[in-house]
PDB file of all heavy atoms in Angstrom:
ATOM      1  N   GLU A   1       6.875 -13.537   3.941  1.00  0.00           N
ATOM      2  CA  GLU A   1       6.174 -12.741   2.889  1.00  0.00           C
ATOM      3  C   GLU A   1       5.167 -11.875   3.467  1.00  0.00           C
ATOM      4  O   GLU A   1       4.957 -10.616   3.075  1.00  0.00           O
ATOM      5  CB  GLU A   1       5.570 -13.728   1.945  1.00  0.00           C
ATOM      6  CG  GLU A   1       4.864 -13.013   0.688  1.00  0.00           C
ATOM      7  CD  GLU A   1       4.140 -14.038  -0.185  1.00  0.00           C
ATOM      8  OE1 GLU A   1       4.324 -15.257  -0.029  1.00  0.00           O
ATOM      9  OE2 GLU A   1       3.399 -13.609  -1.123  1.00  0.00           O
ATOM     10  N   LEU A   2       4.341 -12.361   4.386  1.00  0.00           N
ATOM     11  CA  LEU A   2       3.290 -11.572   5.069  1.00  0.00           C
ATOM     12  C   LEU A   2       3.863 -10.418   5.960  1.00  0.00           C
ATOM     13  O   LEU A   2       3.397  -9.320   5.951  1.00  0.00           O
ATOM     14  CB  LEU A   2       2.400 -12.483   5.899  1.00  0.00           C
ATOM     15  CG  LEU A   2       1.590 -13.526   5.088  1.00  0.00           C
ATOM     16  CD1 LEU A   2       0.847 -14.421   6.047  1.00  0.00           C
ATOM     17  CD2 LEU A   2       0.560 -12.844   4.244  1.00  0.00           C
ATOM     18  N   GLU A   3       5.007 -10.698   6.604  1.00  0.00           N
ATOM     19  CA  GLU A   3       5.559  -9.797   7.430  1.00  0.00           C
ATOM     20  C   GLU A   3       6.019  -8.576   6.606  1.00  0.00           C
ATOM     21  O   GLU A   3       5.878  -7.332   6.911  1.00  0.00           O
ATOM     22  CB  GLU A   3       6.748 -10.332   8.227  1.00  0.00           C
ATOM     23  CG  GLU A   3       7.547  -9.308   9.086  1.00  0.00           C
ATOM     24  CD  GLU A   3       8.725  -9.922   9.808  1.00  0.00           C
ATOM     25  OE1 GLU A   3       9.220 -11.031   9.292  1.00  0.00           O
ATOM     26  OE2 GLU A   3       9.193  -9.380  10.749  1.00  0.00           O
ATOM     27  N   THR A   4       6.715  -8.855   5.477  1.00  0.00           N
ATOM     28  CA  THR A   4       7.191  -7.849   4.530  1.00  0.00           C
ATOM     29  C   THR A   4       5.973  -7.062   4.001  1.00  0.00           C
ATOM     30  O   THR A   4       6.085  -5.800   3.908  1.00  0.00           O
ATOM     31  CB  THR A   4       7.974  -8.495   3.382  1.00  0.00           C
ATOM     32  OG1 THR A   4       9.070  -9.176   3.914  1.00  0.00           O
ATOM     33  CG2 THR A   4       8.446  -7.391   2.439  1.00  0.00           C
ATOM     34  N   ALA A   5       4.941  -7.697   3.644  1.00  0.00           N
ATOM     35  CA  ALA A   5       3.729  -6.997   3.066  1.00  0.00           C
ATOM     36  C   ALA A   5       3.077  -6.076   4.069  1.00  0.00           C
ATOM     37  O   ALA A   5       2.676  -4.935   3.772  1.00  0.00           O
ATOM     38  CB  ALA A   5       2.719  -8.022   2.524  1.00  0.00           C
ATOM     39  N   LEU A   6       3.073  -6.542   5.348  1.00  0.00           N
ATOM     40  CA  LEU A   6       2.449  -5.661   6.353  1.00  0.00           C
ATOM     41  C   LEU A   6       3.284  -4.410   6.605  1.00  0.00           C
ATOM     42  O   LEU A   6       2.785  -3.378   7.000  1.00  0.00           O
ATOM     43  CB  LEU A   6       2.286  -6.516   7.649  1.00  0.00           C
ATOM     44  CG  LEU A   6       1.227  -7.555   7.646  1.00  0.00           C
ATOM     45  CD1 LEU A   6       1.333  -8.468   8.864  1.00  0.00           C
ATOM     46  CD2 LEU A   6      -0.155  -6.974   7.603  1.00  0.00           C
ATOM     47  N   ARG A   7       4.592  -4.505   6.424  1.00  0.00           N
ATOM     48  CA  ARG A   7       5.417  -3.315   6.630  1.00  0.00           C
ATOM     49  C   ARG A   7       5.433  -2.463   5.438  1.00  0.00           C
ATOM     50  O   ARG A   7       5.768  -1.323   5.574  1.00  0.00           O
ATOM     51  CB  ARG A   7       6.849  -3.789   7.015  1.00  0.00           C
ATOM     52  CG  ARG A   7       6.956  -4.696   8.287  1.00  0.00           C
ATOM     53  CD  ARG A   7       8.373  -4.882   8.717  1.00  0.00           C
ATOM     54  NE  ARG A   7       8.455  -5.909   9.770  1.00  0.00           N
ATOM     55  CZ  ARG A   7       8.235  -5.665  10.994  1.00  0.00           C
ATOM     56  NH1 ARG A   7       7.957  -4.434  11.477  1.00  0.00           N
ATOM     57  NH2 ARG A   7       8.330  -6.661  11.929  1.00  0.00           N
ATOM     58  N   HIS A   8       5.049  -3.032   4.237  1.00  0.00           N
ATOM     59  CA  HIS A   8       5.007  -2.225   2.925  1.00  0.00           C
ATOM     60  C   HIS A   8       3.715  -2.648   2.239  1.00  0.00           C
ATOM     61  O   HIS A   8       3.804  -3.223   1.121  1.00  0.00           O
ATOM     62  CB  HIS A   8       6.262  -2.529   2.172  1.00  0.00           C
ATOM     63  CG  HIS A   8       7.576  -2.345   2.886  1.00  0.00           C
ATOM     64  ND1 HIS A   8       8.146  -1.100   3.083  1.00  0.00           N
ATOM     65  CD2 HIS A   8       8.373  -3.253   3.479  1.00  0.00           C
ATOM     66  CE1 HIS A   8       9.256  -1.222   3.795  1.00  0.00           C
ATOM     67  NE2 HIS A   8       9.476  -2.445   4.028  1.00  0.00           N
ATOM     68  N   PRO A   9       2.559  -2.316   2.744  1.00  0.00           N
ATOM     69  CA  PRO A   9       1.333  -2.746   2.121  1.00  0.00           C
ATOM     70  C   PRO A   9       1.014  -2.119   0.817  1.00  0.00           C
ATOM     71  O   PRO A   9       1.339  -0.980   0.517  1.00  0.00           O
ATOM     72  CB  PRO A   9       0.246  -2.338   3.262  1.00  0.00           C
ATOM     73  CG  PRO A   9       0.865  -1.131   3.897  1.00  0.00           C
ATOM     74  CD  PRO A   9       2.342  -1.475   3.941  1.00  0.00           C
ATOM     75  N   VAL A  10       0.375  -2.931   0.006  1.00  0.00           N
ATOM     76  CA  VAL A  10      -0.081  -2.409  -1.368  1.00  0.00           C
ATOM     77  C   VAL A  10      -1.270  -1.478  -1.190  1.00  0.00           C
ATOM     78  O   VAL A  10      -1.320  -0.417  -1.748  1.00  0.00           O
ATOM     79  CB  VAL A  10      -0.447  -3.554  -2.282  1.00  0.00           C
ATOM     80  CG1 VAL A  10      -1.064  -3.075  -3.570  1.00  0.00           C
ATOM     81  CG2 VAL A  10       0.741  -4.464  -2.513  1.00  0.00           C
ATOM     82  N   TYR A  11      -2.249  -1.836  -0.328  1.00  0.00           N
ATOM     83  CA  TYR A  11      -3.420  -0.983  -0.160  1.00  0.00           C
ATOM     84  C   TYR A  11      -3.464  -0.654   1.382  1.00  0.00           C
ATOM     85  O   TYR A  11      -2.807  -1.203   2.203  1.00  0.00           O
ATOM     86  CB  TYR A  11      -4.668  -1.863  -0.423  1.00  0.00           C
ATOM     87  CG  TYR A  11      -4.847  -2.316  -1.810  1.00  0.00           C
ATOM     88  CD1 TYR A  11      -4.893  -3.654  -2.181  1.00  0.00           C
ATOM     89  CD2 TYR A  11      -4.828  -1.350  -2.900  1.00  0.00           C
ATOM     90  CE1 TYR A  11      -5.043  -4.079  -3.531  1.00  0.00           C
ATOM     91  CE2 TYR A  11      -4.934  -1.770  -4.215  1.00  0.00           C
ATOM     92  CZ  TYR A  11      -4.991  -3.161  -4.500  1.00  0.00           C
ATOM     93  OH  TYR A  11      -5.120  -3.538  -5.809  1.00  0.00           O
ATOM     94  N   PRO A  12      -4.141   0.503   1.749  1.00  0.00           N
ATOM     95  CA  PRO A  12      -4.251   0.902   3.120  1.00  0.00           C
ATOM     96  C   PRO A  12      -4.872  -0.209   4.008  1.00  0.00           C
ATOM     97  O   PRO A  12      -5.718  -0.978   3.570  1.00  0.00           O
ATOM     98  CB  PRO A  12      -5.239   2.107   3.005  1.00  0.00           C
ATOM     99  CG  PRO A  12      -5.116   2.573   1.583  1.00  0.00           C
ATOM    100  CD  PRO A  12      -4.880   1.380   0.811  1.00  0.00           C
ATOM    101  N   LEU A  13      -4.393  -0.360   5.169  1.00  0.00           N
ATOM    102  CA  LEU A  13      -4.800  -1.312   6.145  1.00  0.00           C
ATOM    103  C   LEU A  13      -5.735  -0.678   7.199  1.00  0.00           C
ATOM    104  O   LEU A  13      -5.557   0.481   7.604  1.00  0.00           O
ATOM    105  CB  LEU A  13      -3.636  -1.934   6.859  1.00  0.00           C
ATOM    106  CG  LEU A  13      -2.546  -2.500   5.900  1.00  0.00           C
ATOM    107  CD1 LEU A  13      -1.389  -3.124   6.696  1.00  0.00           C
ATOM    108  CD2 LEU A  13      -3.091  -3.503   4.951  1.00  0.00           C
ATOM    109  N   TYR A  14      -6.727  -1.429   7.609  1.00  0.00           N
ATOM    110  CA  TYR A  14      -7.675  -1.000   8.699  1.00  0.00           C
ATOM    111  C   TYR A  14      -8.131  -2.155   9.459  1.00  0.00           C
ATOM    112  O   TYR A  14      -8.107  -3.310   8.995  1.00  0.00           O
ATOM    113  CB  TYR A  14      -8.787  -0.171   8.051  1.00  0.00           C
ATOM    114  CG  TYR A  14      -9.520  -0.819   6.838  1.00  0.00           C
ATOM    115  CD1 TYR A  14     -10.508  -1.725   7.035  1.00  0.00           C
ATOM    116  CD2 TYR A  14      -9.039  -0.542   5.479  1.00  0.00           C
ATOM    117  CE1 TYR A  14     -11.145  -2.284   5.893  1.00  0.00           C
ATOM    118  CE2 TYR A  14      -9.631  -1.172   4.414  1.00  0.00           C
ATOM    119  CZ  TYR A  14     -10.724  -2.021   4.615  1.00  0.00           C
ATOM    120  OH  TYR A  14     -11.360  -2.634   3.578  1.00  0.00           O
ATOM    121  N   LEU A  15      -8.744  -1.816  10.548  1.00  0.00           N
ATOM    122  CA  LEU A  15      -9.205  -2.845  11.558  1.00  0.00           C
ATOM    123  C   LEU A  15     -10.669  -3.025  11.491  1.00  0.00           C
ATOM    124  O   LEU A  15     -11.438  -2.550  12.337  1.00  0.00           O
ATOM    125  CB  LEU A  15      -8.696  -2.458  12.967  1.00  0.00           C
ATOM    126  CG  LEU A  15      -7.231  -2.280  13.164  1.00  0.00           C
ATOM    127  CD1 LEU A  15      -6.894  -2.033  14.648  1.00  0.00           C
ATOM    128  CD2 LEU A  15      -6.401  -3.375  12.621  1.00  0.00           C
ATOM    129  N   GLY A  16     -11.086  -3.676  10.446  1.00  0.00           N
ATOM    130  CA  GLY A  16     -12.509  -4.109  10.287  1.00  0.00           C
ATOM    131  C   GLY A  16     -13.267  -3.124   9.343  1.00  0.00           C
ATOM    132  O   GLY A  16     -14.086  -3.541   8.496  1.00  0.00           O
ATOM    133  N   ARG A  17     -13.089  -1.816   9.590  1.00  0.00           N
ATOM    134  CA  ARG A  17     -13.704  -0.831   8.674  1.00  0.00           C
ATOM    135  C   ARG A  17     -12.658   0.259   8.262  1.00  0.00           C
ATOM    136  O   ARG A  17     -11.715   0.451   8.981  1.00  0.00           O
ATOM    137  CB  ARG A  17     -14.815  -0.064   9.426  1.00  0.00           C
ATOM    138  CG  ARG A  17     -16.083  -1.031   9.792  1.00  0.00           C
ATOM    139  CD  ARG A  17     -17.316  -0.209   9.915  1.00  0.00           C
ATOM    140  NE  ARG A  17     -18.336  -1.102  10.350  1.00  0.00           N
ATOM    141  CZ  ARG A  17     -19.039  -1.038  11.496  1.00  0.00           C
ATOM    142  NH1 ARG A  17     -18.679  -0.041  12.386  1.00  0.00           N
ATOM    143  NH2 ARG A  17     -19.969  -1.964  11.809  1.00  0.00           N
ATOM    144  N   ARG A  18     -13.021   0.863   7.136  1.00  0.00           N
ATOM    145  CA  ARG A  18     -11.970   1.868   6.563  1.00  0.00           C
ATOM    146  C   ARG A  18     -11.794   3.015   7.500  1.00  0.00           C
ATOM    147  O   ARG A  18     -10.836   3.725   7.388  1.00  0.00           O
ATOM    148  CB  ARG A  18     -12.432   2.295   5.208  1.00  0.00           C
ATOM    149  CG  ARG A  18     -12.528   1.113   4.216  1.00  0.00           C
ATOM    150  CD  ARG A  18     -12.800   1.633   2.739  1.00  0.00           C
ATOM    151  NE  ARG A  18     -12.972   0.484   1.940  1.00  0.00           N
ATOM    152  CZ  ARG A  18     -12.878   0.551   0.620  1.00  0.00           C
ATOM    153  NH1 ARG A  18     -12.709   1.757  -0.011  1.00  0.00           N
ATOM    154  NH2 ARG A  18     -13.017  -0.546  -0.160  1.00  0.00           N
ATOM    155  N   SER A  19     -12.773   3.282   8.332  1.00  0.00           N
ATOM    156  CA  SER A  19     -12.553   4.369   9.239  1.00  0.00           C
ATOM    157  C   SER A  19     -11.703   4.088  10.437  1.00  0.00           C
ATOM    158  O   SER A  19     -11.644   4.869  11.419  1.00  0.00           O
ATOM    159  CB  SER A  19     -13.967   4.857   9.765  1.00  0.00           C
ATOM    160  OG  SER A  19     -14.664   3.805  10.404  1.00  0.00           O
ATOM    161  N   CYS A  20     -11.154   2.850  10.517  1.00  0.00           N
ATOM    162  CA  CYS A  20     -10.460   2.378  11.658  1.00  0.00           C
ATOM    163  C   CYS A  20      -8.947   2.029  11.337  1.00  0.00           C
ATOM    164  O   CYS A  20      -8.630   0.830  11.302  1.00  0.00           O
ATOM    165  CB  CYS A  20     -11.134   1.154  12.255  1.00  0.00           C
ATOM    166  SG  CYS A  20     -12.842   1.531  12.759  1.00  0.00           S
ATOM    167  N   PRO A  21      -8.225   2.978  11.069  1.00  0.00           N
ATOM    168  CA  PRO A  21      -6.680   2.649  10.713  1.00  0.00           C
ATOM    169  C   PRO A  21      -6.040   2.193  12.085  1.00  0.00           C
ATOM    170  O   PRO A  21      -6.295   2.663  13.187  1.00  0.00           O
ATOM    171  CB  PRO A  21      -6.179   3.966  10.248  1.00  0.00           C
ATOM    172  CG  PRO A  21      -7.014   5.036  10.842  1.00  0.00           C
ATOM    173  CD  PRO A  21      -8.383   4.436  10.942  1.00  0.00           C
ATOM    174  N   PRO A  22      -5.017   1.280  11.948  1.00  0.00           N
ATOM    175  CA  PRO A  22      -4.350   0.745  13.147  1.00  0.00           C
ATOM    176  C   PRO A  22      -3.280   1.735  13.616  1.00  0.00           C
ATOM    177  O   PRO A  22      -2.703   2.493  12.859  1.00  0.00           O
ATOM    178  CB  PRO A  22      -3.715  -0.577  12.655  1.00  0.00           C
ATOM    179  CG  PRO A  22      -3.498  -0.270  11.181  1.00  0.00           C
ATOM    180  CD  PRO A  22      -4.650   0.510  10.672  1.00  0.00           C
ATOM    181  N   THR A  23      -3.041   1.714  14.941  1.00  0.00           N
ATOM    182  CA  THR A  23      -1.900   2.399  15.451  1.00  0.00           C
ATOM    183  C   THR A  23      -0.651   1.392  15.275  1.00  0.00           C
ATOM    184  O   THR A  23      -0.801   0.226  15.130  1.00  0.00           O
ATOM    185  CB  THR A  23      -2.087   2.709  16.922  1.00  0.00           C
ATOM    186  OG1 THR A  23      -2.283   1.544  17.640  1.00  0.00           O
ATOM    187  CG2 THR A  23      -3.251   3.742  17.036  1.00  0.00           C
ATOM    188  N   LEU A  24       0.533   2.111  15.340  1.00  0.00           N
ATOM    189  CA  LEU A  24       1.723   1.378  15.209  1.00  0.00           C
ATOM    190  C   LEU A  24       2.386   1.006  16.584  1.00  0.00           C
ATOM    191  O   LEU A  24       2.154   1.762  17.592  1.00  0.00           O
ATOM    192  CB  LEU A  24       2.749   2.195  14.394  1.00  0.00           C
ATOM    193  CG  LEU A  24       2.287   2.484  12.991  1.00  0.00           C
ATOM    194  CD1 LEU A  24       3.335   3.356  12.237  1.00  0.00           C
ATOM    195  CD2 LEU A  24       2.037   1.264  12.129  1.00  0.00           C
ATOM    196  N   PRO A  25       3.122  -0.157  16.668  1.00  0.00           N
ATOM    197  CA  PRO A  25       3.463  -1.064  15.595  1.00  0.00           C
ATOM    198  C   PRO A  25       2.263  -1.986  15.309  1.00  0.00           C
ATOM    199  O   PRO A  25       1.578  -2.420  16.227  1.00  0.00           O
ATOM    200  CB  PRO A  25       4.661  -1.799  16.099  1.00  0.00           C
ATOM    201  CG  PRO A  25       4.460  -1.800  17.530  1.00  0.00           C
ATOM    202  CD  PRO A  25       3.807  -0.443  17.907  1.00  0.00           C
TER     203      PRO A  25
END
């Protein structure tokens, strides 16, 4: 369930702060 959510997130994802979006994968 978490794997699916991470690939299709409801809200934007970031690494600690909103100014830090993750690189893929």
